[in-house]
Amino acid sequence: MHFWLPEIPVLEKILRSLVVYLFLLAVFRIIGKRQVGQMTPFDLIVLLMISNVLQNAMIGPDNSVLGGLLGATTVLLANWMVSRAAAASRKLERAIEGVPTVLVHHGHVIEANLRRENFSREDLLSNLRSQGVFDVEEVRAAILEPSGKLSVLRYEHPSRQSEGG
């Protein structure tokens, strides 16, 4: 084992890194929308375990400095290329990033969309409360954005408007 030089061919190192990157991109797209701030301890444990399991698939028997830098550069370059391609193509962007999902419409929770997004009713209510909404009936629309953020549009209350003006 040499400290600086990779123990596996450079092309293999690049291919291993690309395969792991594309696998993770696909899996996290399928799993659904969730911001890092919304991760539960369970999500964090799974993420840490995945990184450990896939590390060996990506680096193989190579623990060299150059091999690690090559793998990291490959992943960063692949991510940059995917981001550029998504920015250039709306269709690709929607495939990679996803689309917004309506979770509440005119005060009614859309249960099928909650299930499809793996979003529990308690997650929804918690997100609404964090935005100052304590009753679902106050919500004109609540939309789960591709980023995992919940956008909430409340009904305007004419009585409240007249109090301020």
C-alpha atoms as a PDB file:
ATOM      1  CA  MET A   1       0.000   0.000   0.000  1.00  0.00           C
ATOM      2  CA  HIS A   2       1.333   3.393  -0.987  1.00  0.00           C
ATOM      3  CA  PHE A   3       0.283   6.501   0.913  1.00  0.00           C
ATOM      4  CA  TRP A   4      -0.268   8.700  -2.156  1.00  0.00           C
ATOM      5  CA  LEU A   5      -0.951   6.454  -5.143  1.00  0.00           C
ATOM      6  CA  PRO A   6      -4.262   4.654  -5.743  1.00  0.00           C
ATOM      7  CA  GLU A   7      -4.206   0.873  -5.446  1.00  0.00           C
ATOM      8  CA  ILE A   8      -6.882   0.438  -8.103  1.00  0.00           C
ATOM      9  CA  PRO A   9      -6.909   1.817 -11.672  1.00  0.00           C
ATOM     10  CA  VAL A  10      -7.984   5.462 -11.948  1.00  0.00           C
ATOM     11  CA  LEU A  11     -10.849   4.616 -14.342  1.00  0.00           C
ATOM     12  CA  GLU A  12     -12.207   2.043 -11.877  1.00  0.00           C
ATOM     13  CA  LYS A  13     -12.027   4.651  -9.106  1.00  0.00           C
ATOM     14  CA  ILE A  14     -13.992   7.121 -11.228  1.00  0.00           C
ATOM     15  CA  LEU A  15     -16.594   4.520 -12.248  1.00  0.00           C
ATOM     16  CA  ARG A  16     -17.093   3.318  -8.663  1.00  0.00           C
ATOM     17  CA  SER A  17     -17.656   6.904  -7.503  1.00  0.00           C
ATOM     18  CA  LEU A  18     -20.096   7.628 -10.347  1.00  0.00           C
ATOM     19  CA  VAL A  19     -22.111   4.463  -9.723  1.00  0.00           C
ATOM     20  CA  VAL A  20     -22.475   5.241  -6.005  1.00  0.00           C
ATOM     21  CA  TYR A  21     -23.385   8.883  -6.739  1.00  0.00           C
ATOM     22  CA  LEU A  22     -26.055   7.935  -9.305  1.00  0.00           C
ATOM     23  CA  PHE A  23     -27.418   5.246  -6.965  1.00  0.00           C
ATOM     24  CA  LEU A  24     -27.784   7.755  -4.117  1.00  0.00           C
ATOM     25  CA  LEU A  25     -29.314  10.370  -6.418  1.00  0.00           C
ATOM     26  CA  ALA A  26     -31.948   7.883  -7.563  1.00  0.00           C
ATOM     27  CA  VAL A  27     -32.676   6.494  -4.095  1.00  0.00           C
ATOM     28  CA  PHE A  28     -33.087   9.882  -2.430  1.00  0.00           C
ATOM     29  CA  ARG A  29     -35.309  11.048  -5.294  1.00  0.00           C
ATOM     30  CA  ILE A  30     -37.522   7.987  -4.830  1.00  0.00           C
ATOM     31  CA  ILE A  31     -37.611   8.190  -1.032  1.00  0.00           C
ATOM     32  CA  GLY A  32     -39.168  11.638  -1.067  1.00  0.00           C
ATOM     33  CA  LYS A  33     -38.832  15.180   0.111  1.00  0.00           C
ATOM     34  CA  ARG A  34     -37.384  16.005   3.468  1.00  0.00           C
ATOM     35  CA  GLN A  35     -35.108  18.826   4.543  1.00  0.00           C
ATOM     36  CA  VAL A  36     -32.053  18.135   6.642  1.00  0.00           C
ATOM     37  CA  GLY A  37     -33.697  20.123   9.443  1.00  0.00           C
ATOM     38  CA  GLN A  38     -36.670  17.754   9.324  1.00  0.00           C
ATOM     39  CA  MET A  39     -34.585  14.620   9.771  1.00  0.00           C
ATOM     40  CA  THR A  40     -35.452  12.443  12.710  1.00  0.00           C
ATOM     41  CA  PRO A  41     -32.777  10.599  14.719  1.00  0.00           C
ATOM     42  CA  PHE A  42     -33.819   7.481  12.776  1.00  0.00           C
ATOM     43  CA  ASP A  43     -33.154   9.275   9.459  1.00  0.00           C
ATOM     44  CA  LEU A  44     -29.726  10.357  10.684  1.00  0.00           C
ATOM     45  CA  ILE A  45     -28.816   6.811  11.743  1.00  0.00           C
ATOM     46  CA  VAL A  46     -29.866   5.455   8.345  1.00  0.00           C
ATOM     47  CA  LEU A  47     -27.874   8.152   6.543  1.00  0.00           C
ATOM     48  CA  LEU A  48     -24.745   7.413   8.574  1.00  0.00           C
ATOM     49  CA  MET A  49     -25.094   3.676   7.972  1.00  0.00           C
ATOM     50  CA  ILE A  50     -25.582   4.181   4.241  1.00  0.00           C
ATOM     51  CA  SER A  51     -22.442   6.300   4.042  1.00  0.00           C
ATOM     52  CA  ASN A  52     -20.446   3.622   5.832  1.00  0.00           C
ATOM     53  CA  VAL A  53     -21.832   0.773   3.717  1.00  0.00           C
ATOM     54  CA  LEU A  54     -21.263   2.590   0.422  1.00  0.00           C
ATOM     55  CA  GLN A  55     -17.797   3.818   1.342  1.00  0.00           C
ATOM     56  CA  ASN A  56     -16.301   0.411   0.574  1.00  0.00           C
ATOM     57  CA  ALA A  57     -18.200   0.173  -2.708  1.00  0.00           C
ATOM     58  CA  MET A  58     -16.794   3.533  -3.723  1.00  0.00           C
ATOM     59  CA  ILE A  59     -13.177   3.236  -2.612  1.00  0.00           C
ATOM     60  CA  GLY A  60     -12.656  -0.505  -3.001  1.00  0.00           C
ATOM     61  CA  PRO A  61      -9.395  -1.683  -1.464  1.00  0.00           C
ATOM     62  CA  ASP A  62      -7.878   1.783  -1.985  1.00  0.00           C
ATOM     63  CA  ASN A  63      -7.103   4.006   1.010  1.00  0.00           C
ATOM     64  CA  SER A  64      -4.600   6.293  -0.674  1.00  0.00           C
ATOM     65  CA  VAL A  65      -4.810  10.078  -0.442  1.00  0.00           C
ATOM     66  CA  LEU A  66      -4.890  10.515  -4.204  1.00  0.00           C
ATOM     67  CA  GLY A  67      -7.565   7.815  -4.503  1.00  0.00           C
ATOM     68  CA  GLY A  68      -9.751   9.613  -1.950  1.00  0.00           C
ATOM     69  CA  LEU A  69      -9.254  12.954  -3.664  1.00  0.00           C
ATOM     70  CA  LEU A  70     -10.053  11.387  -7.020  1.00  0.00           C
ATOM     71  CA  GLY A  71     -13.267   9.837  -5.677  1.00  0.00           C
ATOM     72  CA  ALA A  72     -14.364  13.100  -4.033  1.00  0.00           C
ATOM     73  CA  THR A  73     -13.551  15.082  -7.181  1.00  0.00           C
ATOM     74  CA  THR A  74     -15.570  12.631  -9.285  1.00  0.00           C
ATOM     75  CA  VAL A  75     -18.614  12.962  -7.021  1.00  0.00           C
ATOM     76  CA  LEU A  76     -18.372  16.764  -6.915  1.00  0.00           C
ATOM     77  CA  LEU A  77     -17.917  16.978 -10.685  1.00  0.00           C
ATOM     78  CA  ALA A  78     -20.852  14.622 -11.296  1.00  0.00           C
ATOM     79  CA  ASN A  79     -23.013  16.728  -8.967  1.00  0.00           C
ATOM     80  CA  TRP A  80     -21.988  19.916 -10.781  1.00  0.00           C
ATOM     81  CA  MET A  81     -22.803  18.346 -14.176  1.00  0.00           C
ATOM     82  CA  VAL A  82     -26.197  17.091 -13.000  1.00  0.00           C
ATOM     83  CA  SER A  83     -27.005  20.541 -11.562  1.00  0.00           C
ATOM     84  CA  ARG A  84     -26.037  22.258 -14.815  1.00  0.00           C
ATOM     85  CA  ALA A  85     -28.055  19.794 -16.898  1.00  0.00           C
ATOM     86  CA  ALA A  86     -31.084  20.217 -14.621  1.00  0.00           C
ATOM     87  CA  ALA A  87     -30.811  24.010 -14.881  1.00  0.00           C
ATOM     88  CA  ALA A  88     -30.808  23.731 -18.681  1.00  0.00           C
ATOM     89  CA  SER A  89     -33.740  21.310 -18.936  1.00  0.00           C
ATOM     90  CA  ARG A  90     -37.021  21.803 -17.097  1.00  0.00           C
ATOM     91  CA  LYS A  91     -37.960  18.173 -17.764  1.00  0.00           C
ATOM     92  CA  LEU A  92     -34.687  16.867 -16.277  1.00  0.00           C
ATOM     93  CA  GLU A  93     -35.005  19.279 -13.348  1.00  0.00           C
ATOM     94  CA  ARG A  94     -38.477  17.910 -12.543  1.00  0.00           C
ATOM     95  CA  ALA A  95     -37.184  14.331 -12.827  1.00  0.00           C
ATOM     96  CA  ILE A  96     -34.265  14.992 -10.479  1.00  0.00           C
ATOM     97  CA  GLU A  97     -35.702  17.556  -8.078  1.00  0.00           C
ATOM     98  CA  GLY A  98     -39.344  16.476  -8.123  1.00  0.00           C
ATOM     99  CA  VAL A  99     -42.451  18.628  -8.219  1.00  0.00           C
ATOM    100  CA  PRO A 100     -44.423  20.422  -5.506  1.00  0.00           C
ATOM    101  CA  THR A 101     -47.189  18.386  -3.880  1.00  0.00           C
ATOM    102  CA  VAL A 102     -50.396  19.876  -2.466  1.00  0.00           C
ATOM    103  CA  LEU A 103     -50.989  18.483   1.034  1.00  0.00           C
ATOM    104  CA  VAL A 104     -53.850  20.766   2.107  1.00  0.00           C
ATOM    105  CA  HIS A 105     -56.431  22.305  -0.208  1.00  0.00           C
ATOM    106  CA  HIS A 106     -59.120  24.649   1.113  1.00  0.00           C
ATOM    107  CA  GLY A 107     -58.739  23.422   4.679  1.00  0.00           C
ATOM    108  CA  HIS A 108     -58.838  19.723   3.785  1.00  0.00           C
ATOM    109  CA  VAL A 109     -55.837  17.424   4.146  1.00  0.00           C
ATOM    110  CA  ILE A 110     -55.169  15.334   1.045  1.00  0.00           C
ATOM    111  CA  GLU A 111     -54.368  12.014   2.684  1.00  0.00           C
ATOM    112  CA  ALA A 112     -53.305  10.285  -0.552  1.00  0.00           C
ATOM    113  CA  ASN A 113     -50.612  12.932  -1.120  1.00  0.00           C
ATOM    114  CA  LEU A 114     -49.416  12.611   2.485  1.00  0.00           C
ATOM    115  CA  ARG A 115     -48.984   8.866   1.987  1.00  0.00           C
ATOM    116  CA  ARG A 116     -47.288   9.290  -1.385  1.00  0.00           C
ATOM    117  CA  GLU A 117     -44.745  11.690   0.137  1.00  0.00           C
ATOM    118  CA  ASN A 118     -44.230   9.598   3.306  1.00  0.00           C
ATOM    119  CA  PHE A 119     -45.398  12.618   5.289  1.00  0.00           C
ATOM    120  CA  SER A 120     -47.342  11.838   8.442  1.00  0.00           C
ATOM    121  CA  ARG A 121     -50.308  13.902   9.568  1.00  0.00           C
ATOM    122  CA  GLU A 122     -48.283  14.842  12.677  1.00  0.00           C
ATOM    123  CA  ASP A 123     -45.412  16.063  10.452  1.00  0.00           C
ATOM    124  CA  LEU A 124     -47.922  18.213   8.597  1.00  0.00           C
ATOM    125  CA  LEU A 125     -49.490  19.627  11.772  1.00  0.00           C
ATOM    126  CA  SER A 126     -46.065  20.292  13.272  1.00  0.00           C
ATOM    127  CA  ASN A 127     -44.977  22.175  10.147  1.00  0.00           C
ATOM    128  CA  LEU A 128     -48.195  24.189  10.162  1.00  0.00           C
ATOM    129  CA  ARG A 129     -47.758  25.091  13.846  1.00  0.00           C
ATOM    130  CA  SER A 130     -44.194  26.239  13.192  1.00  0.00           C
ATOM    131  CA  GLN A 131     -45.688  28.704  10.707  1.00  0.00           C
ATOM    132  CA  GLY A 132     -48.305  29.938  13.172  1.00  0.00           C
ATOM    133  CA  VAL A 133     -51.223  27.852  11.875  1.00  0.00           C
ATOM    134  CA  PHE A 134     -53.046  25.893  14.556  1.00  0.00           C
ATOM    135  CA  ASP A 135     -56.140  24.877  12.596  1.00  0.00           C
ATOM    136  CA  VAL A 136     -56.005  23.168   9.195  1.00  0.00           C
ATOM    137  CA  GLU A 137     -59.201  24.977   8.223  1.00  0.00           C
ATOM    138  CA  GLU A 138     -57.188  28.254   8.186  1.00  0.00           C
ATOM    139  CA  VAL A 139     -55.140  26.884   5.275  1.00  0.00           C
ATOM    140  CA  ARG A 140     -56.063  27.712   1.719  1.00  0.00           C
ATOM    141  CA  ALA A 141     -53.155  25.587   0.464  1.00  0.00           C
ATOM    142  CA  ALA A 142     -50.135  23.834   1.965  1.00  0.00           C
ATOM    143  CA  ILE A 143     -47.609  22.713  -0.602  1.00  0.00           C
ATOM    144  CA  LEU A 144     -44.653  20.424   0.006  1.00  0.00           C
ATOM    145  CA  GLU A 145     -41.883  21.890  -2.135  1.00  0.00           C
ATOM    146  CA  PRO A 146     -39.262  19.702  -3.852  1.00  0.00           C
ATOM    147  CA  SER A 147     -36.752  20.976  -1.273  1.00  0.00           C
ATOM    148  CA  GLY A 148     -38.844  19.483   1.546  1.00  0.00           C
ATOM    149  CA  LYS A 149     -40.025  22.892   2.789  1.00  0.00           C
ATOM    150  CA  LEU A 150     -43.742  23.369   3.421  1.00  0.00           C
ATOM    151  CA  SER A 151     -45.232  26.510   1.871  1.00  0.00           C
ATOM    152  CA  VAL A 152     -48.481  27.626   3.479  1.00  0.00           C
ATOM    153  CA  LEU A 153     -51.072  30.035   2.094  1.00  0.00           C
ATOM    154  CA  ARG A 154     -53.629  31.049   4.707  1.00  0.00           C
ATOM    155  CA  TYR A 155     -57.068  32.437   4.109  1.00  0.00           C
ATOM    156  CA  GLU A 156     -57.282  36.185   4.480  1.00  0.00           C
ATOM    157  CA  HIS A 157     -59.606  37.178   7.294  1.00  0.00           C
ATOM    158  CA  PRO A 158     -61.498  40.400   6.403  1.00  0.00           C
ATOM    159  CA  SER A 159     -62.210  41.099  10.090  1.00  0.00           C
ATOM    160  CA  ARG A 160     -58.460  41.011  10.845  1.00  0.00           C
ATOM    161  CA  GLN A 161     -57.679  43.268   7.892  1.00  0.00           C
ATOM    162  CA  SER A 162     -60.161  45.896   9.053  1.00  0.00           C
ATOM    163  CA  GLU A 163     -58.645  45.834  12.566  1.00  0.00           C
ATOM    164  CA  GLY A 164     -55.263  46.876  11.185  1.00  0.00           C
ATOM    165  CA  GLY A 165     -56.493  49.591   8.839  1.00  0.00           C
END
